[in-house]
Amino acid sequence: MFKTISDPADSEVRSEIRFLNAKKVKPAEIHRQLVEIYGENVMTDGMVRKWVRQFNDGRTNVHDEARSGRPSVVNDGLVAKVNEKIRENRRFTMRMLFDEFPQISKTV
């Protein structure tokens, strides 16, 4: 019996897929082994097949690619400032948050 690994990084799982695919292990067997070690919620069989296809097509990177869209304004400095404001006033509301930090979306 194996000890299960909880909450693995996506790149860790993809590395396992890449490794087993290089050893010519079939996608269904790769999925079975992933579920055995990482648990039922690791990745669907269809996603394993998708990653196998990508690796077979020449992909070598197991990390997420950069996506287009609005860049995040959240950084460690902003988080520290928000935490400081909340500590100063425990009744700090979302409206006050937006007024104090207009770069933060109202819909967050």
Protein backbone atom coordinates (compact mmCIF):
# COMPACT_ATOMS: atom_id res chain seq x y z
CA MET A 1 0.00 0.00 0.00
CA PHE A 2 1.21 3.48 -0.87
CA LYS A 3 0.99 6.62 1.16
CA THR A 4 -1.07 9.21 -0.71
CA ILE A 5 0.35 12.66 -1.40
CA SER A 6 -2.19 15.40 -0.81
CA ASP A 7 -2.37 18.71 -2.63
CA PRO A 8 0.43 18.22 -5.19
CA ALA A 9 1.59 21.11 -7.35
CA ASP A 10 0.24 21.01 -10.90
CA SER A 11 3.78 20.93 -12.26
CA GLU A 12 4.57 17.90 -10.08
CA VAL A 13 1.69 15.92 -11.56
CA ARG A 14 2.60 17.01 -15.09
CA SER A 15 6.21 15.95 -14.48
CA GLU A 16 4.95 12.49 -13.52
CA ILE A 17 2.89 12.37 -16.70
CA ARG A 18 5.88 13.42 -18.79
CA PHE A 19 8.11 10.83 -17.11
CA LEU A 20 5.67 7.94 -17.47
CA ASN A 21 4.84 8.95 -21.05
CA ALA A 22 8.55 8.86 -21.91
CA LYS A 23 8.57 5.28 -20.59
CA LYS A 24 5.73 4.52 -23.06
CA VAL A 25 3.13 4.01 -20.32
CA LYS A 26 -0.40 4.30 -21.74
CA PRO A 27 -2.46 7.35 -20.66
CA ALA A 28 -5.09 5.21 -18.87
CA GLU A 29 -2.35 3.55 -16.81
CA ILE A 30 -0.75 6.94 -16.07
CA HIS A 31 -4.11 8.16 -14.76
CA ARG A 32 -4.56 5.04 -12.66
CA GLN A 33 -1.12 5.52 -11.07
CA LEU A 34 -1.75 9.22 -10.42
CA VAL A 35 -5.03 8.43 -8.67
CA GLU A 36 -3.30 5.72 -6.63
CA ILE A 37 -0.67 8.16 -5.32
CA TYR A 38 -2.42 11.56 -5.35
CA GLY A 39 -6.05 10.56 -4.77
CA GLU A 40 -9.27 10.72 -6.78
CA ASN A 41 -9.23 14.48 -7.37
CA VAL A 42 -5.76 14.68 -8.91
CA MET A 43 -6.66 15.09 -12.60
CA THR A 44 -9.24 13.66 -14.95
CA ASP A 45 -8.39 10.94 -17.44
CA GLY A 46 -9.14 13.39 -20.26
CA MET A 47 -6.66 15.93 -18.91
CA VAL A 48 -3.99 13.25 -18.63
CA ARG A 49 -4.60 12.39 -22.29
CA LYS A 50 -4.39 16.09 -23.21
CA TRP A 51 -1.01 16.43 -21.47
CA VAL A 52 0.27 13.21 -23.08
CA ARG A 53 -0.67 14.62 -26.51
CA GLN A 54 1.11 17.88 -25.74
CA PHE A 55 4.27 16.08 -24.62
CA ASN A 56 4.12 13.85 -27.70
CA ASP A 57 3.83 17.00 -29.83
CA GLY A 58 7.10 18.28 -28.37
CA ARG A 59 6.12 20.24 -25.29
CA THR A 60 8.74 20.01 -22.56
CA ASN A 61 7.56 22.66 -20.09
CA VAL A 62 5.42 21.32 -17.24
CA HIS A 63 4.54 24.80 -15.92
CA ASP A 64 1.55 26.93 -16.88
CA GLU A 65 2.10 29.30 -19.74
CA ALA A 66 1.51 33.02 -19.26
CA ARG A 67 -2.04 34.04 -20.05
CA SER A 68 -3.40 37.23 -21.48
CA GLY A 69 -5.74 39.36 -19.46
CA ARG A 70 -5.68 41.99 -16.83
CA PRO A 71 -2.53 41.75 -14.73
CA SER A 72 -2.88 41.32 -10.99
CA VAL A 73 -2.33 44.38 -8.83
CA VAL A 74 -1.91 42.26 -5.72
CA ASN A 75 1.59 42.10 -4.30
CA ASP A 76 3.13 41.62 -0.86
CA GLY A 77 3.27 45.38 -0.23
CA LEU A 78 -0.43 45.86 -0.98
CA VAL A 79 -1.39 42.91 1.20
CA ALA A 80 0.65 44.36 4.08
CA LYS A 81 -1.03 47.78 3.68
CA VAL A 82 -4.52 46.23 3.64
CA ASN A 83 -3.71 44.14 6.74
CA GLU A 84 -2.44 47.25 8.49
CA LYS A 85 -5.67 49.15 7.73
CA ILE A 86 -7.76 46.25 9.03
CA ARG A 87 -5.72 46.10 12.24
CA GLU A 88 -6.21 49.86 12.73
CA ASN A 89 -9.98 49.58 12.28
CA ARG A 90 -11.64 46.19 12.74
CA ARG A 91 -14.84 47.64 11.23
CA PHE A 92 -13.06 48.27 7.93
CA THR A 93 -15.67 47.72 5.19
CA MET A 94 -15.34 46.75 1.56
CA ARG A 95 -16.39 50.29 0.60
CA MET A 96 -13.62 51.72 2.79
CA LEU A 97 -11.20 49.25 1.20
CA PHE A 98 -12.09 50.50 -2.27
CA ASP A 99 -11.87 54.16 -1.19
CA GLU A 100 -8.46 53.58 0.42
CA PHE A 101 -7.09 51.35 -2.37
CA PRO A 102 -8.76 52.31 -5.69
CA GLN A 103 -6.51 49.89 -7.62
CA ILE A 104 -8.48 47.03 -6.05
CA SER A 105 -11.61 46.10 -7.99
CA LYS A 106 -14.97 46.63 -6.28
CA THR A 107 -16.06 43.21 -7.49
CA VAL A 108 -13.31 41.26 -5.75
